[in-house]
All heavy atoms as atom14 arrays in JSON, in Angstrom:
{
  "sequence": "DYDDSLYFHQSPMNHFCSEMTYEQLRRLLSKIERMVDRINYGKLTM",
  "atom14_mask": [
    [1, 1, 1, 1, 1, 1, 1, 1, 0, 0, 0, 0, 0, 0],
    [1, 1, 1, 1, 1, 1, 1, 1, 1, 1, 1, 1, 0, 0],
    [1, 1, 1, 1, 1, 1, 1, 1, 0, 0, 0, 0, 0, 0],
    [1, 1, 1, 1, 1, 1, 1, 1, 0, 0, 0, 0, 0, 0],
    [1, 1, 1, 1, 1, 1, 0, 0, 0, 0, 0, 0, 0, 0],
    [1, 1, 1, 1, 1, 1, 1, 1, 0, 0, 0, 0, 0, 0],
    [1, 1, 1, 1, 1, 1, 1, 1, 1, 1, 1, 1, 0, 0],
    [1, 1, 1, 1, 1, 1, 1, 1, 1, 1, 1, 0, 0, 0],
    [1, 1, 1, 1, 1, 1, 1, 1, 1, 1, 0, 0, 0, 0],
    [1, 1, 1, 1, 1, 1, 1, 1, 1, 0, 0, 0, 0, 0],
    [1, 1, 1, 1, 1, 1, 0, 0, 0, 0, 0, 0, 0, 0],
    [1, 1, 1, 1, 1, 1, 1, 0, 0, 0, 0, 0, 0, 0],
    [1, 1, 1, 1, 1, 1, 1, 1, 0, 0, 0, 0, 0, 0],
    [1, 1, 1, 1, 1, 1, 1, 1, 0, 0, 0, 0, 0, 0],
    [1, 1, 1, 1, 1, 1, 1, 1, 1, 1, 0, 0, 0, 0],
    [1, 1, 1, 1, 1, 1, 1, 1, 1, 1, 1, 0, 0, 0],
    [1, 1, 1, 1, 1, 1, 0, 0, 0, 0, 0, 0, 0, 0],
    [1, 1, 1, 1, 1, 1, 0, 0, 0, 0, 0, 0, 0, 0],
    [1, 1, 1, 1, 1, 1, 1, 1, 1, 0, 0, 0, 0, 0],
    [1, 1, 1, 1, 1, 1, 1, 1, 0, 0, 0, 0, 0, 0],
    [1, 1, 1, 1, 1, 1, 1, 0, 0, 0, 0, 0, 0, 0],
    [1, 1, 1, 1, 1, 1, 1, 1, 1, 1, 1, 1, 0, 0],
    [1, 1, 1, 1, 1, 1, 1, 1, 1, 0, 0, 0, 0, 0],
    [1, 1, 1, 1, 1, 1, 1, 1, 1, 0, 0, 0, 0, 0],
    [1, 1, 1, 1, 1, 1, 1, 1, 0, 0, 0, 0, 0, 0],
    [1, 1, 1, 1, 1, 1, 1, 1, 1, 1, 1, 0, 0, 0],
    [1, 1, 1, 1, 1, 1, 1, 1, 1, 1, 1, 0, 0, 0],
    [1, 1, 1, 1, 1, 1, 1, 1, 0, 0, 0, 0, 0, 0],
    [1, 1, 1, 1, 1, 1, 1, 1, 0, 0, 0, 0, 0, 0],
    [1, 1, 1, 1, 1, 1, 0, 0, 0, 0, 0, 0, 0, 0],
    [1, 1, 1, 1, 1, 1, 1, 1, 1, 0, 0, 0, 0, 0],
    [1, 1, 1, 1, 1, 1, 1, 1, 0, 0, 0, 0, 0, 0],
    [1, 1, 1, 1, 1, 1, 1, 1, 1, 0, 0, 0, 0, 0],
    [1, 1, 1, 1, 1, 1, 1, 1, 1, 1, 1, 0, 0, 0],
    [1, 1, 1, 1, 1, 1, 1, 1, 0, 0, 0, 0, 0, 0],
    [1, 1, 1, 1, 1, 1, 1, 0, 0, 0, 0, 0, 0, 0],
    [1, 1, 1, 1, 1, 1, 1, 1, 0, 0, 0, 0, 0, 0],
    [1, 1, 1, 1, 1, 1, 1, 1, 1, 1, 1, 0, 0, 0],
    [1, 1, 1, 1, 1, 1, 1, 1, 0, 0, 0, 0, 0, 0],
    [1, 1, 1, 1, 1, 1, 1, 1, 0, 0, 0, 0, 0, 0],
    [1, 1, 1, 1, 1, 1, 1, 1, 1, 1, 1, 1, 0, 0],
    [1, 1, 1, 1, 0, 0, 0, 0, 0, 0, 0, 0, 0, 0],
    [1, 1, 1, 1, 1, 1, 1, 1, 1, 0, 0, 0, 0, 0],
    [1, 1, 1, 1, 1, 1, 1, 1, 0, 0, 0, 0, 0, 0],
    [1, 1, 1, 1, 1, 1, 1, 0, 0, 0, 0, 0, 0, 0],
    [1, 1, 1, 1, 1, 1, 1, 1, 0, 0, 0, 0, 0, 0]
  ],
  "atom14_positions": [
    [[35.25, 71.14, -44.99], [35.51, 71.4, -43.45], [36.61, 72.39, -43.28], [37.3, 72.4, -42.21], [35.85, 70.11, -42.79], [37.15, 69.45, -43.34], [37.64, 69.84, -44.41], [37.64, 68.4, -42.76], [0.0, 0.0, 0.0], [0.0, 0.0, 0.0], [0.0, 0.0, 0.0], [0.0, 0.0, 0.0], [0.0, 0.0, 0.0], [0.0, 0.0, 0.0]],
    [[36.94, 73.3, -44.36], [38.0, 74.23, -44.14], [37.8, 75.12, -42.87], [36.78, 75.66, -42.62], [37.96, 75.13, -45.44], [38.93, 76.26, -45.45], [40.23, 76.02, -45.98], [38.68, 77.5, -45.06], [41.16, 77.01, -46.06], [39.61, 78.55, -45.11], [40.86, 78.28, -45.57], [41.85, 79.25, -45.67], [0.0, 0.0, 0.0], [0.0, 0.0, 0.0]],
    [[38.85, 75.18, -42.15], [38.89, 76.03, -40.89], [39.91, 77.13, -41.04], [41.11, 76.92, -41.02], [39.24, 75.07, -39.73], [39.29, 75.82, -38.42], [39.11, 77.05, -38.34], [39.54, 75.09, -37.38], [0.0, 0.0, 0.0], [0.0, 0.0, 0.0], [0.0, 0.0, 0.0], [0.0, 0.0, 0.0], [0.0, 0.0, 0.0], [0.0, 0.0, 0.0]],
    [[39.38, 78.33, -41.25], [40.34, 79.42, -41.52], [41.25, 79.78, -40.39], [42.21, 80.47, -40.58], [39.54, 80.67, -42.01], [38.51, 81.09, -41.08], [38.58, 80.92, -39.9], [37.52, 81.65, -41.59], [0.0, 0.0, 0.0], [0.0, 0.0, 0.0], [0.0, 0.0, 0.0], [0.0, 0.0, 0.0], [0.0, 0.0, 0.0], [0.0, 0.0, 0.0]],
    [[40.98, 79.25, -39.21], [41.96, 79.54, -38.06], [43.21, 78.78, -38.2], [44.23, 79.1, -37.55], [41.22, 79.17, -36.72], [41.11, 77.74, -36.59], [0.0, 0.0, 0.0], [0.0, 0.0, 0.0], [0.0, 0.0, 0.0], [0.0, 0.0, 0.0], [0.0, 0.0, 0.0], [0.0, 0.0, 0.0], [0.0, 0.0, 0.0], [0.0, 0.0, 0.0]],
    [[43.34, 77.77, -39.05], [44.47, 76.93, -39.21], [45.47, 77.56, -40.26], [46.61, 77.04, -40.43], [44.08, 75.54, -39.54], [43.23, 74.76, -38.64], [42.88, 73.43, -39.09], [43.93, 74.62, -37.19], [0.0, 0.0, 0.0], [0.0, 0.0, 0.0], [0.0, 0.0, 0.0], [0.0, 0.0, 0.0], [0.0, 0.0, 0.0], [0.0, 0.0, 0.0]],
    [[45.03, 78.46, -41.11], [45.74, 78.83, -42.31], [46.11, 80.31, -42.27], [45.25, 81.16, -42.21], [45.05, 78.45, -43.58], [44.6, 77.0, -43.53], [43.3, 76.59, -43.33], [45.49, 75.95, -43.86], [42.91, 75.29, -43.34], [45.14, 74.67, -43.81], [43.84, 74.35, -43.6], [43.39, 73.06, -43.62], [0.0, 0.0, 0.0], [0.0, 0.0, 0.0]],
    [[47.35, 80.56, -42.37], [47.91, 81.95, -42.49], [49.32, 81.81, -43.1], [49.74, 80.72, -43.39], [47.92, 82.66, -41.15], [48.43, 81.83, -39.97], [49.72, 81.87, -39.75], [47.53, 81.1, -39.27], [50.34, 81.04, -38.7], [48.01, 80.32, -38.21], [49.49, 80.31, -37.93], [0.0, 0.0, 0.0], [0.0, 0.0, 0.0], [0.0, 0.0, 0.0]],
    [[49.95, 82.96, -43.24], [51.17, 83.0, -44.1], [52.37, 82.19, -43.58], [53.3, 81.98, -44.27], [51.6, 84.44, -44.49], [50.71, 85.05, -45.43], [50.45, 84.48, -46.64], [50.03, 86.27, -45.42], [49.63, 85.29, -47.37], [49.38, 86.36, -46.57], [0.0, 0.0, 0.0], [0.0, 0.0, 0.0], [0.0, 0.0, 0.0], [0.0, 0.0, 0.0]],
    [[52.41, 81.81, -42.32], [53.5, 80.99, -41.78], [52.99, 79.65, -41.22], [53.68, 78.91, -40.51], [54.24, 81.75, -40.71], [55.18, 82.78, -41.26], [54.51, 84.13, -41.67], [53.63, 84.5, -40.96], [54.98, 84.66, -42.69], [0.0, 0.0, 0.0], [0.0, 0.0, 0.0], [0.0, 0.0, 0.0], [0.0, 0.0, 0.0], [0.0, 0.0, 0.0]],
    [[51.7, 79.29, -41.48], [51.16, 78.1, -40.89], [51.77, 76.84, -41.55], [51.84, 76.71, -42.82], [49.63, 78.07, -41.08], [49.11, 76.84, -40.73], [0.0, 0.0, 0.0], [0.0, 0.0, 0.0], [0.0, 0.0, 0.0], [0.0, 0.0, 0.0], [0.0, 0.0, 0.0], [0.0, 0.0, 0.0], [0.0, 0.0, 0.0], [0.0, 0.0, 0.0]],
    [[52.16, 75.87, -40.67], [52.65, 74.58, -41.23], [51.55, 73.77, -41.78], [51.8, 72.71, -42.45], [53.35, 73.94, -40.01], [52.57, 74.48, -38.86], [52.23, 75.94, -39.23], [0.0, 0.0, 0.0], [0.0, 0.0, 0.0], [0.0, 0.0, 0.0], [0.0, 0.0, 0.0], [0.0, 0.0, 0.0], [0.0, 0.0, 0.0], [0.0, 0.0, 0.0]],
    [[50.34, 74.16, -41.6], [49.16, 73.34, -42.22], [48.89, 73.68, -43.64], [48.24, 72.92, -44.32], [47.89, 73.72, -41.34], [48.06, 73.33, -39.89], [48.06, 71.53, -39.63], [46.38, 71.05, -40.14], [0.0, 0.0, 0.0], [0.0, 0.0, 0.0], [0.0, 0.0, 0.0], [0.0, 0.0, 0.0], [0.0, 0.0, 0.0], [0.0, 0.0, 0.0]],
    [[49.44, 74.82, -44.08], [49.2, 75.25, -45.49], [49.67, 74.18, -46.48], [50.83, 73.82, -46.54], [49.83, 76.61, -45.79], [49.14, 77.7, -45.12], [48.33, 77.61, -44.16], [49.36, 78.91, -45.61], [0.0, 0.0, 0.0], [0.0, 0.0, 0.0], [0.0, 0.0, 0.0], [0.0, 0.0, 0.0], [0.0, 0.0, 0.0], [0.0, 0.0, 0.0]],
    [[48.69, 73.68, -47.33], [48.99, 72.83, -48.5], [48.0, 73.07, -49.57], [46.93, 72.4, -49.54], [49.08, 71.38, -47.96], [49.35, 70.42, -49.11], [48.58, 69.4, -49.47], [50.34, 70.48, -50.1], [49.05, 68.73, -50.55], [50.14, 69.37, -50.91], [0.0, 0.0, 0.0], [0.0, 0.0, 0.0], [0.0, 0.0, 0.0], [0.0, 0.0, 0.0]],
    [[48.28, 74.03, -50.4], [47.36, 74.38, -51.51], [48.08, 74.31, -52.82], [47.97, 75.11, -53.73], [46.76, 75.74, -51.28], [46.04, 75.85, -49.94], [46.75, 76.51, -48.89], [44.79, 75.41, -49.72], [46.05, 76.61, -47.68], [44.2, 75.54, -48.54], [44.84, 76.13, -47.42], [0.0, 0.0, 0.0], [0.0, 0.0, 0.0], [0.0, 0.0, 0.0]],
    [[48.88, 73.24, -52.9], [49.75, 73.0, -54.03], [49.48, 71.71, -54.66], [49.63, 70.58, -53.97], [51.24, 73.12, -53.6], [52.49, 72.88, -54.87], [0.0, 0.0, 0.0], [0.0, 0.0, 0.0], [0.0, 0.0, 0.0], [0.0, 0.0, 0.0], [0.0, 0.0, 0.0], [0.0, 0.0, 0.0], [0.0, 0.0, 0.0], [0.0, 0.0, 0.0]],
    [[49.05, 71.7, -55.99], [48.7, 70.52, -56.62], [49.81, 69.59, -57.0], [49.64, 68.33, -57.14], [47.96, 70.82, -57.97], [46.84, 71.66, -57.76], [0.0, 0.0, 0.0], [0.0, 0.0, 0.0], [0.0, 0.0, 0.0], [0.0, 0.0, 0.0], [0.0, 0.0, 0.0], [0.0, 0.0, 0.0], [0.0, 0.0, 0.0], [0.0, 0.0, 0.0]],
    [[50.97, 70.12, -57.1], [52.11, 69.39, -57.72], [53.03, 68.72, -56.71], [53.9, 67.97, -56.99], [52.96, 70.36, -58.46], [52.27, 71.22, -59.56], [51.57, 70.32, -60.56], [52.17, 69.3, -61.0], [50.43, 70.62, -61.01], [0.0, 0.0, 0.0], [0.0, 0.0, 0.0], [0.0, 0.0, 0.0], [0.0, 0.0, 0.0], [0.0, 0.0, 0.0]],
    [[52.67, 68.86, -55.37], [53.49, 68.14, -54.27], [52.52, 67.65, -53.24], [51.56, 68.26, -52.95], [54.49, 69.13, -53.7], [55.69, 69.41, -54.57], [56.83, 70.6, -53.75], [56.17, 72.1, -54.36], [0.0, 0.0, 0.0], [0.0, 0.0, 0.0], [0.0, 0.0, 0.0], [0.0, 0.0, 0.0], [0.0, 0.0, 0.0], [0.0, 0.0, 0.0]],
    [[52.97, 66.6, -52.62], [52.25, 66.02, -51.44], [52.57, 67.08, -50.28], [53.48, 67.82, -50.33], [52.67, 64.65, -51.02], [54.03, 64.72, -50.65], [52.46, 63.67, -52.22], [0.0, 0.0, 0.0], [0.0, 0.0, 0.0], [0.0, 0.0, 0.0], [0.0, 0.0, 0.0], [0.0, 0.0, 0.0], [0.0, 0.0, 0.0], [0.0, 0.0, 0.0]],
    [[51.74, 66.94, -49.18], [52.0, 67.78, -48.04], [53.35, 67.53, -47.51], [54.12, 68.46, -47.12], [50.91, 67.44, -47.02], [51.19, 68.12, -45.69], [50.91, 69.42, -45.44], [51.88, 67.41, -44.62], [51.19, 70.13, -44.28], [52.18, 68.06, -43.47], [51.85, 69.37, -43.22], [52.12, 70.01, -42.09], [0.0, 0.0, 0.0], [0.0, 0.0, 0.0]],
    [[53.82, 66.22, -47.45], [55.05, 65.88, -46.85], [56.27, 66.46, -47.71], [57.22, 67.0, -47.12], [55.2, 64.41, -46.78], [54.37, 63.8, -45.69], [52.89, 63.66, -46.15], [52.61, 63.76, -47.35], [52.02, 63.43, -45.26], [0.0, 0.0, 0.0], [0.0, 0.0, 0.0], [0.0, 0.0, 0.0], [0.0, 0.0, 0.0], [0.0, 0.0, 0.0]],
    [[56.14, 66.43, -49.03], [57.1, 67.03, -49.9], [57.25, 68.43, -49.76], [58.34, 69.02, -49.63], [56.81, 66.65, -51.44], [56.98, 65.19, -51.72], [56.46, 64.84, -53.14], [55.47, 65.42, -53.59], [57.19, 63.97, -53.76], [0.0, 0.0, 0.0], [0.0, 0.0, 0.0], [0.0, 0.0, 0.0], [0.0, 0.0, 0.0], [0.0, 0.0, 0.0]],
    [[56.11, 69.08, -49.75], [56.04, 70.57, -49.55], [56.67, 70.98, -48.27], [57.46, 71.91, -48.12], [54.61, 71.07, -49.64], [54.44, 72.65, -49.5], [55.19, 73.35, -50.69], [52.98, 73.0, -49.48], [0.0, 0.0, 0.0], [0.0, 0.0, 0.0], [0.0, 0.0, 0.0], [0.0, 0.0, 0.0], [0.0, 0.0, 0.0], [0.0, 0.0, 0.0]],
    [[56.25, 70.34, -47.18], [56.64, 70.7, -45.79], [58.22, 70.5, -45.66], [58.87, 71.37, -44.97], [55.94, 69.85, -44.8], [56.06, 70.22, -43.37], [55.45, 71.65, -43.11], [56.48, 72.54, -42.67], [56.37, 73.94, -42.8], [55.38, 74.41, -43.42], [57.36, 74.69, -42.37], [0.0, 0.0, 0.0], [0.0, 0.0, 0.0], [0.0, 0.0, 0.0]],
    [[58.78, 69.4, -46.21], [60.21, 69.18, -46.14], [60.91, 70.34, -46.82], [61.92, 70.9, -46.26], [60.6, 67.88, -46.76], [60.4, 66.64, -45.86], [61.15, 65.49, -46.41], [60.71, 65.03, -47.78], [59.79, 64.18, -47.97], [59.14, 63.63, -46.96], [59.38, 63.88, -49.21], [0.0, 0.0, 0.0], [0.0, 0.0, 0.0], [0.0, 0.0, 0.0]],
    [[60.47, 70.73, -48.0], [61.11, 71.84, -48.72], [60.97, 73.19, -48.0], [61.91, 73.89, -47.89], [60.5, 71.89, -50.15], [61.17, 72.71, -51.23], [62.64, 72.45, -51.29], [60.47, 72.62, -52.49], [0.0, 0.0, 0.0], [0.0, 0.0, 0.0], [0.0, 0.0, 0.0], [0.0, 0.0, 0.0], [0.0, 0.0, 0.0], [0.0, 0.0, 0.0]],
    [[59.76, 73.49, -47.54], [59.55, 74.67, -46.8], [60.36, 74.79, -45.43], [60.89, 75.89, -45.19], [58.06, 74.87, -46.5], [57.17, 75.04, -47.61], [55.71, 75.2, -47.21], [57.51, 76.26, -48.47], [0.0, 0.0, 0.0], [0.0, 0.0, 0.0], [0.0, 0.0, 0.0], [0.0, 0.0, 0.0], [0.0, 0.0, 0.0], [0.0, 0.0, 0.0]],
    [[60.54, 73.69, -44.79], [61.36, 73.7, -43.51], [62.84, 74.17, -43.83], [63.42, 74.91, -43.13], [61.35, 72.32, -42.91], [60.03, 72.0, -42.5], [0.0, 0.0, 0.0], [0.0, 0.0, 0.0], [0.0, 0.0, 0.0], [0.0, 0.0, 0.0], [0.0, 0.0, 0.0], [0.0, 0.0, 0.0], [0.0, 0.0, 0.0], [0.0, 0.0, 0.0]],
    [[63.31, 73.65, -44.95], [64.68, 74.05, -45.33], [64.77, 75.57, -45.68], [65.65, 76.3, -45.32], [65.18, 73.28, -46.55], [65.42, 71.83, -46.32], [65.85, 71.11, -47.49], [66.08, 69.64, -47.28], [66.47, 68.88, -48.49], [0.0, 0.0, 0.0], [0.0, 0.0, 0.0], [0.0, 0.0, 0.0], [0.0, 0.0, 0.0], [0.0, 0.0, 0.0]],
    [[63.7, 76.08, -46.44], [63.64, 77.45, -46.8], [63.51, 78.33, -45.61], [64.1, 79.4, -45.47], [62.49, 77.68, -47.81], [62.81, 76.94, -49.11], [62.34, 79.17, -48.08], [61.55, 76.82, -50.09], [0.0, 0.0, 0.0], [0.0, 0.0, 0.0], [0.0, 0.0, 0.0], [0.0, 0.0, 0.0], [0.0, 0.0, 0.0], [0.0, 0.0, 0.0]],
    [[62.69, 77.89, -44.61], [62.42, 78.74, -43.47], [63.72, 78.83, -42.68], [64.09, 79.97, -42.18], [61.35, 78.03, -42.6], [59.93, 78.15, -43.16], [58.93, 77.12, -42.69], [59.36, 76.43, -41.77], [57.84, 77.1, -43.23], [0.0, 0.0, 0.0], [0.0, 0.0, 0.0], [0.0, 0.0, 0.0], [0.0, 0.0, 0.0], [0.0, 0.0, 0.0]],
    [[64.55, 77.91, -42.61], [65.68, 77.95, -41.83], [66.7, 78.88, -42.54], [67.55, 79.7, -41.94], [66.43, 76.58, -41.66], [65.58, 75.67, -40.59], [66.43, 74.51, -40.2], [66.64, 73.51, -41.35], [65.86, 72.55, -41.64], [64.75, 72.41, -40.97], [66.08, 71.73, -42.7], [0.0, 0.0, 0.0], [0.0, 0.0, 0.0], [0.0, 0.0, 0.0]],
    [[66.71, 78.79, -43.9], [67.62, 79.65, -44.72], [67.2, 81.13, -44.52], [68.07, 82.06, -44.34], [67.46, 79.23, -46.2], [68.32, 80.18, -47.12], [67.66, 80.0, -48.87], [66.28, 81.2, -48.77], [0.0, 0.0, 0.0], [0.0, 0.0, 0.0], [0.0, 0.0, 0.0], [0.0, 0.0, 0.0], [0.0, 0.0, 0.0], [0.0, 0.0, 0.0]],
    [[65.94, 81.39, -44.52], [65.4, 82.77, -44.43], [65.92, 83.31, -42.94], [66.38, 84.49, -42.93], [63.92, 82.81, -44.56], [63.36, 84.22, -44.14], [63.55, 82.6, -46.02], [0.0, 0.0, 0.0], [0.0, 0.0, 0.0], [0.0, 0.0, 0.0], [0.0, 0.0, 0.0], [0.0, 0.0, 0.0], [0.0, 0.0, 0.0], [0.0, 0.0, 0.0]],
    [[65.72, 82.53, -41.96], [66.14, 82.95, -40.59], [67.6, 83.25, -40.64], [68.08, 84.14, -39.94], [65.76, 81.91, -39.52], [64.31, 82.02, -39.22], [63.62, 83.09, -39.41], [63.73, 81.01, -38.58], [0.0, 0.0, 0.0], [0.0, 0.0, 0.0], [0.0, 0.0, 0.0], [0.0, 0.0, 0.0], [0.0, 0.0, 0.0], [0.0, 0.0, 0.0]],
    [[68.37, 82.39, -41.21], [69.92, 82.54, -41.28], [70.21, 83.96, -41.98], [71.04, 84.68, -41.47], [70.56, 81.45, -41.98], [70.79, 80.27, -41.09], [71.81, 79.23, -41.77], [71.55, 78.91, -43.17], [70.78, 77.98, -43.53], [70.24, 77.13, -42.66], [70.62, 77.67, -44.85], [0.0, 0.0, 0.0], [0.0, 0.0, 0.0], [0.0, 0.0, 0.0]],
    [[69.62, 84.15, -43.14], [69.82, 85.42, -43.83], [69.37, 86.68, -42.97], [70.04, 87.62, -42.94], [69.08, 85.34, -45.17], [69.74, 84.29, -46.15], [69.14, 86.74, -45.85], [68.96, 84.08, -47.4], [0.0, 0.0, 0.0], [0.0, 0.0, 0.0], [0.0, 0.0, 0.0], [0.0, 0.0, 0.0], [0.0, 0.0, 0.0], [0.0, 0.0, 0.0]],
    [[68.21, 86.54, -42.44], [67.59, 87.74, -41.74], [68.23, 87.97, -40.3], [68.49, 89.08, -39.9], [66.18, 87.56, -41.51], [65.33, 87.75, -42.78], [65.9, 88.35, -43.78], [64.17, 87.3, -42.83], [0.0, 0.0, 0.0], [0.0, 0.0, 0.0], [0.0, 0.0, 0.0], [0.0, 0.0, 0.0], [0.0, 0.0, 0.0], [0.0, 0.0, 0.0]],
    [[68.64, 86.85, -39.64], [69.07, 87.03, -38.24], [70.41, 86.25, -37.94], [70.94, 86.4, -36.87], [68.09, 86.45, -37.22], [66.69, 86.96, -37.46], [65.74, 86.11, -38.07], [66.33, 88.28, -37.23], [64.36, 86.63, -38.25], [65.05, 88.67, -37.43], [64.06, 87.83, -37.95], [62.85, 88.29, -38.14], [0.0, 0.0, 0.0], [0.0, 0.0, 0.0]],
    [[70.86, 85.54, -38.89], [71.82, 84.55, -38.51], [73.32, 84.85, -38.67], [73.7, 85.93, -38.27], [0.0, 0.0, 0.0], [0.0, 0.0, 0.0], [0.0, 0.0, 0.0], [0.0, 0.0, 0.0], [0.0, 0.0, 0.0], [0.0, 0.0, 0.0], [0.0, 0.0, 0.0], [0.0, 0.0, 0.0], [0.0, 0.0, 0.0], [0.0, 0.0, 0.0]],
    [[74.08, 83.85, -39.1], [75.55, 83.95, -38.93], [76.19, 84.99, -39.92], [76.45, 84.62, -41.01], [76.13, 82.52, -39.19], [75.64, 81.53, -38.19], [76.1, 80.14, -38.47], [75.6, 79.11, -37.43], [76.09, 77.77, -37.79], [0.0, 0.0, 0.0], [0.0, 0.0, 0.0], [0.0, 0.0, 0.0], [0.0, 0.0, 0.0], [0.0, 0.0, 0.0]],
    [[76.4, 86.15, -39.43], [77.08, 87.16, -40.15], [78.54, 87.28, -39.76], [78.78, 87.07, -38.59], [76.35, 88.51, -40.03], [74.91, 88.61, -40.41], [74.4, 89.97, -40.07], [74.6, 88.27, -41.81], [0.0, 0.0, 0.0], [0.0, 0.0, 0.0], [0.0, 0.0, 0.0], [0.0, 0.0, 0.0], [0.0, 0.0, 0.0], [0.0, 0.0, 0.0]],
    [[79.43, 87.6, -40.62], [80.76, 87.9, -40.23], [80.79, 89.18, -39.5], [79.89, 90.0, -39.63], [81.68, 88.07, -41.54], [81.3, 89.18, -42.24], [81.54, 86.8, -42.39], [0.0, 0.0, 0.0], [0.0, 0.0, 0.0], [0.0, 0.0, 0.0], [0.0, 0.0, 0.0], [0.0, 0.0, 0.0], [0.0, 0.0, 0.0], [0.0, 0.0, 0.0]],
    [[81.88, 89.45, -38.73], [81.96, 90.72, -38.02], [81.81, 91.89, -38.93], [81.27, 92.94, -38.58], [83.34, 90.68, -37.16], [83.44, 91.93, -36.26], [82.11, 91.96, -34.97], [82.63, 90.62, -33.85], [0.0, 0.0, 0.0], [0.0, 0.0, 0.0], [0.0, 0.0, 0.0], [0.0, 0.0, 0.0], [0.0, 0.0, 0.0], [0.0, 0.0, 0.0]]
  ]
}
């Protein structure tokens, strides 16, 4: 029942990893996403 409208490079539905459950992967990715936003846009010194 794969629905290609649900999956793309930033989709929270993506889970194509054999070694982690969806919940484990999502928890880890959420931390990484916040880190990437901080690096790209976030708290820089003057």
